[in-house]
Amino acid sequence: HHFVAIIYLSAPVFWVEYRWFMGACLTVEVNTWFLILRRLVYKRQSWIPAICVEVVDKSFYISWIVIRCFIYPSLLVKMVNLAIIGIQLSGHFWHWPLLFIPLHFFLCVLNLKWSYDLFEPIIRKRMKGNGAKQATVATGL
């Protein structure tokens, strides 16, 4: 996914009208920072105040949901709408920026898969009636 992301982030560099997408797309890095911080906090949980652990944990989950589950899919819709407008204005079906719609779709699908991987164990545990919280960090995220 890193290779796809590098290609994907070149779009705002080449097409001025898509420059604002760069900032929106890079919001995912905020969540990545919380992921790294969360792993660090859990490894040193014995001497870090519980409130810090809780703030980092909540920030991670909130940023995950907002950015990966809402912002990224809404960017896909915006990209498709801009492509439709571009096609209508030019009368030509092919525009180079269209190449980035499948790339963004691929990243949205990855976010969906990772969201499932992240939340499925939590939901399964709660559905079994074991609502006790346990600090765990999913592997591979």
N, C-alpha and C. Protein backbone atom coordinates (compact mmCIF):
# COMPACT_ATOMS: atom_id res chain seq x y z
N HIS A 1 0.81 -1.19 0.00
CA HIS A 1 0.00 0.00 0.00
C HIS A 1 0.86 1.26 0.00
N HIS A 2 2.11 1.16 0.43
CA HIS A 2 2.98 2.34 0.43
C HIS A 2 3.28 2.79 -1.00
N PHE A 3 3.50 1.84 -1.90
CA PHE A 3 3.75 2.19 -3.30
C PHE A 3 2.55 2.90 -3.91
N VAL A 4 1.37 2.38 -3.67
CA VAL A 4 0.14 3.01 -4.17
C VAL A 4 -0.01 4.41 -3.59
N ALA A 5 0.29 4.57 -2.31
CA ALA A 5 0.16 5.88 -1.65
C ALA A 5 1.13 6.89 -2.25
N ILE A 6 2.35 6.47 -2.57
CA ILE A 6 3.32 7.40 -3.16
C ILE A 6 2.85 7.87 -4.53
N ILE A 7 2.38 6.95 -5.35
CA ILE A 7 1.84 7.33 -6.66
C ILE A 7 0.64 8.25 -6.48
N TYR A 8 -0.22 7.87 -5.56
CA TYR A 8 -1.45 8.61 -5.29
C TYR A 8 -1.16 10.05 -4.85
N LEU A 9 -0.15 10.23 -4.02
CA LEU A 9 0.17 11.57 -3.52
C LEU A 9 0.83 12.45 -4.56
N SER A 10 1.17 11.90 -5.72
CA SER A 10 1.73 12.73 -6.79
C SER A 10 0.65 13.53 -7.52
N ALA A 11 -0.60 13.13 -7.41
CA ALA A 11 -1.69 13.83 -8.11
C ALA A 11 -1.74 15.32 -7.77
N PRO A 12 -1.74 15.70 -6.51
CA PRO A 12 -1.80 17.13 -6.20
C PRO A 12 -0.57 17.90 -6.67
N VAL A 13 0.54 17.23 -6.86
CA VAL A 13 1.75 17.90 -7.34
C VAL A 13 1.58 18.29 -8.81
N PHE A 14 0.98 17.42 -9.60
CA PHE A 14 0.86 17.65 -11.04
C PHE A 14 -0.38 18.43 -11.44
N TRP A 15 -1.45 18.34 -10.68
CA TRP A 15 -2.69 19.01 -11.04
C TRP A 15 -3.08 19.98 -9.93
N VAL A 16 -2.97 21.25 -10.24
CA VAL A 16 -3.19 22.31 -9.25
C VAL A 16 -4.58 22.23 -8.63
N GLU A 17 -5.58 21.90 -9.40
CA GLU A 17 -6.95 21.87 -8.88
C GLU A 17 -7.16 20.78 -7.83
N TYR A 18 -6.21 19.86 -7.72
CA TYR A 18 -6.31 18.78 -6.73
C TYR A 18 -5.36 18.96 -5.55
N ARG A 19 -4.73 20.13 -5.46
CA ARG A 19 -3.74 20.33 -4.38
C ARG A 19 -4.34 20.19 -2.99
N TRP A 20 -5.59 20.61 -2.83
CA TRP A 20 -6.19 20.52 -1.49
C TRP A 20 -6.37 19.07 -1.05
N PHE A 21 -6.39 18.14 -2.03
CA PHE A 21 -6.50 16.73 -1.67
C PHE A 21 -5.29 16.24 -0.87
N MET A 22 -4.13 16.86 -1.12
CA MET A 22 -2.91 16.44 -0.42
C MET A 22 -3.10 16.55 1.09
N GLY A 23 -3.60 17.70 1.54
CA GLY A 23 -3.83 17.88 2.98
C GLY A 23 -4.86 16.91 3.51
N ALA A 24 -5.94 16.74 2.76
CA ALA A 24 -7.00 15.83 3.21
C ALA A 24 -6.50 14.39 3.26
N CYS A 25 -5.71 14.01 2.28
CA CYS A 25 -5.19 12.63 2.26
C CYS A 25 -4.17 12.39 3.36
N LEU A 26 -3.41 13.40 3.69
CA LEU A 26 -2.38 13.23 4.72
C LEU A 26 -2.94 13.27 6.13
N THR A 27 -4.24 13.56 6.29
CA THR A 27 -4.82 13.49 7.64
C THR A 27 -4.71 12.09 8.22
N VAL A 28 -4.58 11.10 7.35
CA VAL A 28 -4.44 9.72 7.83
C VAL A 28 -3.17 9.57 8.66
N GLU A 29 -2.19 10.43 8.44
CA GLU A 29 -0.96 10.35 9.21
C GLU A 29 -1.18 10.70 10.67
N VAL A 30 -2.17 11.53 10.96
CA VAL A 30 -2.51 11.82 12.36
C VAL A 30 -2.88 10.52 13.06
N ASN A 31 -3.69 9.72 12.39
CA ASN A 31 -4.07 8.43 12.97
C ASN A 31 -2.87 7.51 13.10
N THR A 32 -1.97 7.54 12.13
CA THR A 32 -0.76 6.72 12.20
C THR A 32 0.09 7.12 13.40
N TRP A 33 0.18 8.43 13.67
CA TRP A 33 0.94 8.89 14.85
C TRP A 33 0.30 8.36 16.13
N PHE A 34 -1.03 8.39 16.20
CA PHE A 34 -1.70 7.85 17.38
C PHE A 34 -1.48 6.34 17.49
N LEU A 35 -1.43 5.65 16.36
CA LEU A 35 -1.14 4.21 16.37
C LEU A 35 0.24 3.94 16.98
N ILE A 36 1.23 4.69 16.53
CA ILE A 36 2.59 4.54 17.06
C ILE A 36 2.63 4.89 18.54
N LEU A 37 2.01 6.01 18.89
CA LEU A 37 1.97 6.44 20.29
C LEU A 37 1.25 5.41 21.16
N ARG A 38 0.19 4.85 20.63
CA ARG A 38 -0.58 3.83 21.36
C ARG A 38 0.28 2.61 21.66
N ARG A 39 1.03 2.15 20.67
CA ARG A 39 1.93 1.01 20.88
C ARG A 39 2.99 1.33 21.93
N LEU A 40 3.53 2.53 21.86
CA LEU A 40 4.54 2.96 22.83
C LEU A 40 3.96 3.02 24.24
N VAL A 41 2.77 3.60 24.36
CA VAL A 41 2.12 3.74 25.67
C VAL A 41 1.79 2.36 26.26
N TYR A 42 1.31 1.44 25.44
CA TYR A 42 0.97 0.11 25.96
C TYR A 42 2.21 -0.66 26.41
N LYS A 43 3.33 -0.44 25.73
CA LYS A 43 4.56 -1.12 26.14
C LYS A 43 5.08 -0.59 27.47
N ARG A 44 4.79 0.68 27.76
CA ARG A 44 5.28 1.30 28.99
C ARG A 44 4.13 1.65 29.93
N GLN A 45 3.07 0.91 29.84
CA GLN A 45 1.84 1.20 30.56
C GLN A 45 2.02 1.20 32.08
N SER A 46 2.99 0.46 32.57
CA SER A 46 3.15 0.35 34.03
C SER A 46 3.57 1.66 34.67
N TRP A 47 4.27 2.53 33.95
CA TRP A 47 4.69 3.79 34.57
C TRP A 47 4.08 5.03 33.92
N ILE A 48 3.17 4.85 32.99
CA ILE A 48 2.47 5.99 32.37
C ILE A 48 1.12 6.14 33.06
N PRO A 49 0.75 7.38 33.42
CA PRO A 49 -0.54 7.58 34.10
C PRO A 49 -1.71 7.03 33.27
N ALA A 50 -2.67 6.45 33.95
CA ALA A 50 -3.82 5.82 33.29
C ALA A 50 -4.56 6.81 32.41
N ILE A 51 -4.64 8.06 32.83
CA ILE A 51 -5.35 9.07 32.02
C ILE A 51 -4.66 9.27 30.67
N CYS A 52 -3.33 9.20 30.64
CA CYS A 52 -2.59 9.33 29.38
C CYS A 52 -2.88 8.15 28.46
N VAL A 53 -2.90 6.97 29.04
CA VAL A 53 -3.20 5.76 28.26
C VAL A 53 -4.60 5.88 27.66
N GLU A 54 -5.54 6.34 28.48
CA GLU A 54 -6.94 6.48 28.03
C GLU A 54 -7.07 7.54 26.93
N VAL A 55 -6.39 8.68 27.08
CA VAL A 55 -6.46 9.76 26.08
C VAL A 55 -5.87 9.28 24.75
N VAL A 56 -4.73 8.62 24.80
CA VAL A 56 -4.11 8.11 23.58
C VAL A 56 -5.01 7.08 22.92
N ASP A 57 -5.56 6.18 23.70
CA ASP A 57 -6.44 5.13 23.17
C ASP A 57 -7.68 5.73 22.51
N LYS A 58 -8.34 6.63 23.20
CA LYS A 58 -9.55 7.26 22.65
C LYS A 58 -9.21 8.08 21.39
N SER A 59 -8.10 8.81 21.44
CA SER A 59 -7.69 9.61 20.27
C SER A 59 -7.41 8.73 19.07
N PHE A 60 -6.79 7.58 19.32
CA PHE A 60 -6.53 6.65 18.23
C PHE A 60 -7.83 6.18 17.58
N TYR A 61 -8.78 5.71 18.40
CA TYR A 61 -10.04 5.19 17.85
C TYR A 61 -10.87 6.28 17.19
N ILE A 62 -10.93 7.46 17.81
CA ILE A 62 -11.71 8.56 17.22
C ILE A 62 -11.10 8.98 15.88
N SER A 63 -9.78 9.15 15.85
CA SER A 63 -9.14 9.55 14.59
C SER A 63 -9.29 8.46 13.54
N TRP A 64 -9.24 7.20 13.95
CA TRP A 64 -9.43 6.10 13.00
C TRP A 64 -10.81 6.20 12.34
N ILE A 65 -11.83 6.32 13.15
CA ILE A 65 -13.20 6.35 12.62
C ILE A 65 -13.42 7.59 11.76
N VAL A 66 -13.04 8.75 12.26
CA VAL A 66 -13.29 9.99 11.52
C VAL A 66 -12.52 10.01 10.20
N ILE A 67 -11.24 9.70 10.25
CA ILE A 67 -10.40 9.83 9.06
C ILE A 67 -10.59 8.66 8.09
N ARG A 68 -10.45 7.46 8.58
CA ARG A 68 -10.45 6.30 7.68
C ARG A 68 -11.86 5.85 7.26
N CYS A 69 -12.84 6.11 8.11
CA CYS A 69 -14.20 5.64 7.80
C CYS A 69 -15.10 6.73 7.23
N PHE A 70 -14.75 8.00 7.44
CA PHE A 70 -15.60 9.08 6.92
C PHE A 70 -14.87 9.99 5.93
N ILE A 71 -13.71 10.52 6.30
CA ILE A 71 -13.02 11.47 5.41
C ILE A 71 -12.58 10.79 4.12
N TYR A 72 -11.92 9.64 4.21
CA TYR A 72 -11.43 8.98 3.00
C TYR A 72 -12.56 8.59 2.03
N PRO A 73 -13.64 7.97 2.49
CA PRO A 73 -14.73 7.68 1.54
C PRO A 73 -15.36 8.95 0.96
N SER A 74 -15.47 10.02 1.75
CA SER A 74 -16.04 11.26 1.21
C SER A 74 -15.11 11.88 0.17
N LEU A 75 -13.81 11.69 0.32
CA LEU A 75 -12.88 12.15 -0.71
C LEU A 75 -13.08 11.39 -2.01
N LEU A 76 -13.39 10.11 -1.91
CA LEU A 76 -13.66 9.31 -3.11
C LEU A 76 -14.87 9.86 -3.85
N VAL A 77 -15.92 10.17 -3.12
CA VAL A 77 -17.12 10.75 -3.73
C VAL A 77 -16.78 12.08 -4.39
N LYS A 78 -16.01 12.91 -3.70
CA LYS A 78 -15.61 14.22 -4.25
C LYS A 78 -14.78 14.04 -5.52
N MET A 79 -13.87 13.08 -5.52
CA MET A 79 -13.05 12.83 -6.71
C MET A 79 -13.91 12.41 -7.90
N VAL A 80 -14.86 11.54 -7.66
CA VAL A 80 -15.74 11.09 -8.75
C VAL A 80 -16.57 12.26 -9.26
N ASN A 81 -17.09 13.09 -8.36
CA ASN A 81 -17.87 14.26 -8.79
C ASN A 81 -17.02 15.22 -9.61
N LEU A 82 -15.78 15.46 -9.19
CA LEU A 82 -14.89 16.33 -9.97
C LEU A 82 -14.57 15.72 -11.33
N ALA A 83 -14.44 14.41 -11.39
CA ALA A 83 -14.18 13.74 -12.67
C ALA A 83 -15.38 13.90 -13.61
N ILE A 84 -16.57 13.76 -13.08
CA ILE A 84 -17.78 13.93 -13.89
C ILE A 84 -17.85 15.35 -14.43
N ILE A 85 -17.57 16.32 -13.58
CA ILE A 85 -17.58 17.73 -14.02
C ILE A 85 -16.52 17.94 -15.09
N GLY A 86 -15.32 17.38 -14.90
CA GLY A 86 -14.25 17.51 -15.90
C GLY A 86 -14.64 16.91 -17.24
N ILE A 87 -15.30 15.77 -17.21
CA ILE A 87 -15.76 15.12 -18.45
C ILE A 87 -16.82 15.97 -19.13
N GLN A 88 -17.75 16.51 -18.36
CA GLN A 88 -18.81 17.34 -18.93
C GLN A 88 -18.25 18.63 -19.52
N LEU A 89 -17.29 19.24 -18.85
CA LEU A 89 -16.72 20.50 -19.35
C LEU A 89 -15.86 20.30 -20.59
N SER A 90 -15.10 19.23 -20.63
CA SER A 90 -14.17 19.03 -21.75
C SER A 90 -14.79 18.23 -22.89
N GLY A 91 -15.76 17.40 -22.58
CA GLY A 91 -16.32 16.53 -23.60
C GLY A 91 -15.47 15.29 -23.87
N HIS A 92 -14.38 15.16 -23.16
CA HIS A 92 -13.49 14.01 -23.31
C HIS A 92 -13.64 13.11 -22.09
N PHE A 93 -13.69 11.81 -22.34
CA PHE A 93 -13.85 10.88 -21.23
C PHE A 93 -12.56 10.74 -20.42
N TRP A 94 -11.41 10.74 -21.10
CA TRP A 94 -10.15 10.48 -20.39
C TRP A 94 -9.48 11.76 -19.91
N HIS A 95 -9.17 11.77 -18.64
CA HIS A 95 -8.36 12.82 -18.00
C HIS A 95 -7.34 12.09 -17.14
N TRP A 96 -6.11 12.55 -17.11
CA TRP A 96 -5.09 11.89 -16.30
C TRP A 96 -5.48 11.78 -14.83
N PRO A 97 -6.13 12.80 -14.25
CA PRO A 97 -6.52 12.65 -12.84
C PRO A 97 -7.47 11.48 -12.57
N LEU A 98 -8.14 10.96 -13.62
CA LEU A 98 -9.01 9.79 -13.42
C LEU A 98 -8.23 8.57 -12.93
N LEU A 99 -6.94 8.55 -13.22
CA LEU A 99 -6.09 7.45 -12.79
C LEU A 99 -6.07 7.32 -11.27
N PHE A 100 -6.30 8.42 -10.57
CA PHE A 100 -6.18 8.42 -9.11
C PHE A 100 -7.46 7.95 -8.40
N ILE A 101 -8.56 7.87 -9.12
CA ILE A 101 -9.79 7.37 -8.50
C ILE A 101 -9.66 5.90 -8.11
N PRO A 102 -9.17 5.01 -9.00
CA PRO A 102 -8.99 3.62 -8.56
C PRO A 102 -7.96 3.48 -7.43
N LEU A 103 -6.94 4.33 -7.43
CA LEU A 103 -5.95 4.28 -6.35
C LEU A 103 -6.59 4.64 -5.02
N HIS A 104 -7.41 5.70 -5.04
CA HIS A 104 -8.08 6.10 -3.80
C HIS A 104 -9.09 5.03 -3.37
N PHE A 105 -9.77 4.44 -4.34
CA PHE A 105 -10.70 3.35 -4.03
C PHE A 105 -9.95 2.20 -3.36
N PHE A 106 -8.78 1.85 -3.88
CA PHE A 106 -7.96 0.79 -3.29
C PHE A 106 -7.61 1.13 -1.84
N LEU A 107 -7.23 2.38 -1.57
CA LEU A 107 -6.91 2.78 -0.20
C LEU A 107 -8.15 2.74 0.69
N CYS A 108 -9.31 3.08 0.15
CA CYS A 108 -10.55 2.98 0.92
C CYS A 108 -10.87 1.53 1.27
N VAL A 109 -10.65 0.62 0.32
CA VAL A 109 -10.88 -0.80 0.57
C VAL A 109 -9.91 -1.30 1.65
N LEU A 110 -8.66 -0.88 1.58
CA LEU A 110 -7.70 -1.25 2.63
C LEU A 110 -8.15 -0.73 3.99
N ASN A 111 -8.63 0.52 4.03
CA ASN A 111 -9.12 1.07 5.29
C ASN A 111 -10.31 0.26 5.82
N LEU A 112 -11.17 -0.18 4.93
CA LEU A 112 -12.30 -1.01 5.33
C LEU A 112 -11.82 -2.34 5.92
N LYS A 113 -10.87 -2.97 5.25
CA LYS A 113 -10.32 -4.24 5.73
C LYS A 113 -9.64 -4.05 7.08
N TRP A 114 -8.83 -3.00 7.21
CA TRP A 114 -8.13 -2.74 8.48
C TRP A 114 -9.12 -2.38 9.59
N SER A 115 -10.18 -1.68 9.23
CA SER A 115 -11.21 -1.35 10.23
C SER A 115 -11.87 -2.62 10.73
N TYR A 116 -12.16 -3.53 9.82
CA TYR A 116 -12.73 -4.82 10.23
C TYR A 116 -11.76 -5.55 11.16
N ASP A 117 -10.50 -5.60 10.75
CA ASP A 117 -9.48 -6.28 11.57
C ASP A 117 -9.35 -5.66 12.95
N LEU A 118 -9.50 -4.35 13.03
CA LEU A 118 -9.36 -3.64 14.30
C LEU A 118 -10.57 -3.82 15.20
N PHE A 119 -11.77 -3.68 14.63
CA PHE A 119 -12.97 -3.64 15.45
C PHE A 119 -13.65 -5.00 15.65
N GLU A 120 -13.41 -5.95 14.77
CA GLU A 120 -14.08 -7.25 14.87
C GLU A 120 -13.81 -7.95 16.20
N PRO A 121 -12.55 -8.02 16.67
CA PRO A 121 -12.33 -8.67 17.97
C PRO A 121 -13.01 -7.94 19.13
N ILE A 122 -13.05 -6.63 19.05
CA ILE A 122 -13.70 -5.84 20.10
C ILE A 122 -15.19 -6.13 20.12
N ILE A 123 -15.80 -6.12 18.95
CA ILE A 123 -17.24 -6.36 18.84
C ILE A 123 -17.56 -7.80 19.26
N ARG A 124 -16.74 -8.75 18.82
CA ARG A 124 -16.97 -10.15 19.18
C ARG A 124 -16.90 -10.33 20.69
N LYS A 125 -15.92 -9.70 21.32
CA LYS A 125 -15.77 -9.81 22.78
C LYS A 125 -16.98 -9.21 23.49
N ARG A 126 -17.47 -8.08 23.00
CA ARG A 126 -18.64 -7.44 23.63
C ARG A 126 -19.91 -8.24 23.39
N MET A 127 -20.01 -8.89 22.23
CA MET A 127 -21.19 -9.70 21.93
C MET A 127 -21.25 -10.94 22.82
N LYS A 128 -20.10 -11.44 23.23
CA LYS A 128 -20.06 -12.60 24.11
C LYS A 128 -20.43 -12.22 25.54
N GLY A 129 -20.54 -10.93 25.80
CA GLY A 129 -20.92 -10.50 27.14
C GLY A 129 -19.73 -10.20 28.02
N ASN A 130 -18.55 -10.38 27.49
CA ASN A 130 -17.35 -10.07 28.26
C ASN A 130 -16.96 -8.63 27.94
N GLY A 131 -17.56 -7.70 28.64
CA GLY A 131 -17.33 -6.28 28.39
C GLY A 131 -16.12 -5.73 29.09
N ALA A 132 -15.36 -6.57 29.77
CA ALA A 132 -14.18 -6.09 30.49
C ALA A 132 -13.15 -5.56 29.51
N LYS A 133 -12.59 -4.40 29.83
CA LYS A 133 -11.59 -3.80 28.97
C LYS A 133 -10.24 -4.45 29.23
N GLN A 134 -9.54 -4.67 28.14
CA GLN A 134 -8.20 -5.22 28.25
C GLN A 134 -7.34 -4.49 27.24
N ALA A 135 -6.21 -4.00 27.66
CA ALA A 135 -5.32 -3.25 26.78
C ALA A 135 -4.60 -4.21 25.85
N THR A 136 -4.93 -4.14 24.57
CA THR A 136 -4.25 -4.95 23.58
C THR A 136 -3.98 -4.10 22.36
N VAL A 137 -2.97 -4.45 21.64
CA VAL A 137 -2.64 -3.76 20.40
C VAL A 137 -2.68 -4.80 19.30
N ALA A 138 -3.50 -4.54 18.28
CA ALA A 138 -3.63 -5.48 17.18
C ALA A 138 -2.32 -5.55 16.41
N THR A 139 -1.96 -6.72 15.97
CA THR A 139 -0.74 -6.88 15.20
C THR A 139 -1.02 -6.57 13.75
N GLY A 140 -0.03 -6.06 13.06
CA GLY A 140 -0.15 -5.81 11.64
C GLY A 140 -0.78 -4.49 11.27
N LEU A 141 -1.18 -3.68 12.21
CA LEU A 141 -1.77 -2.38 11.88
C LEU A 141 -0.77 -1.29 12.03
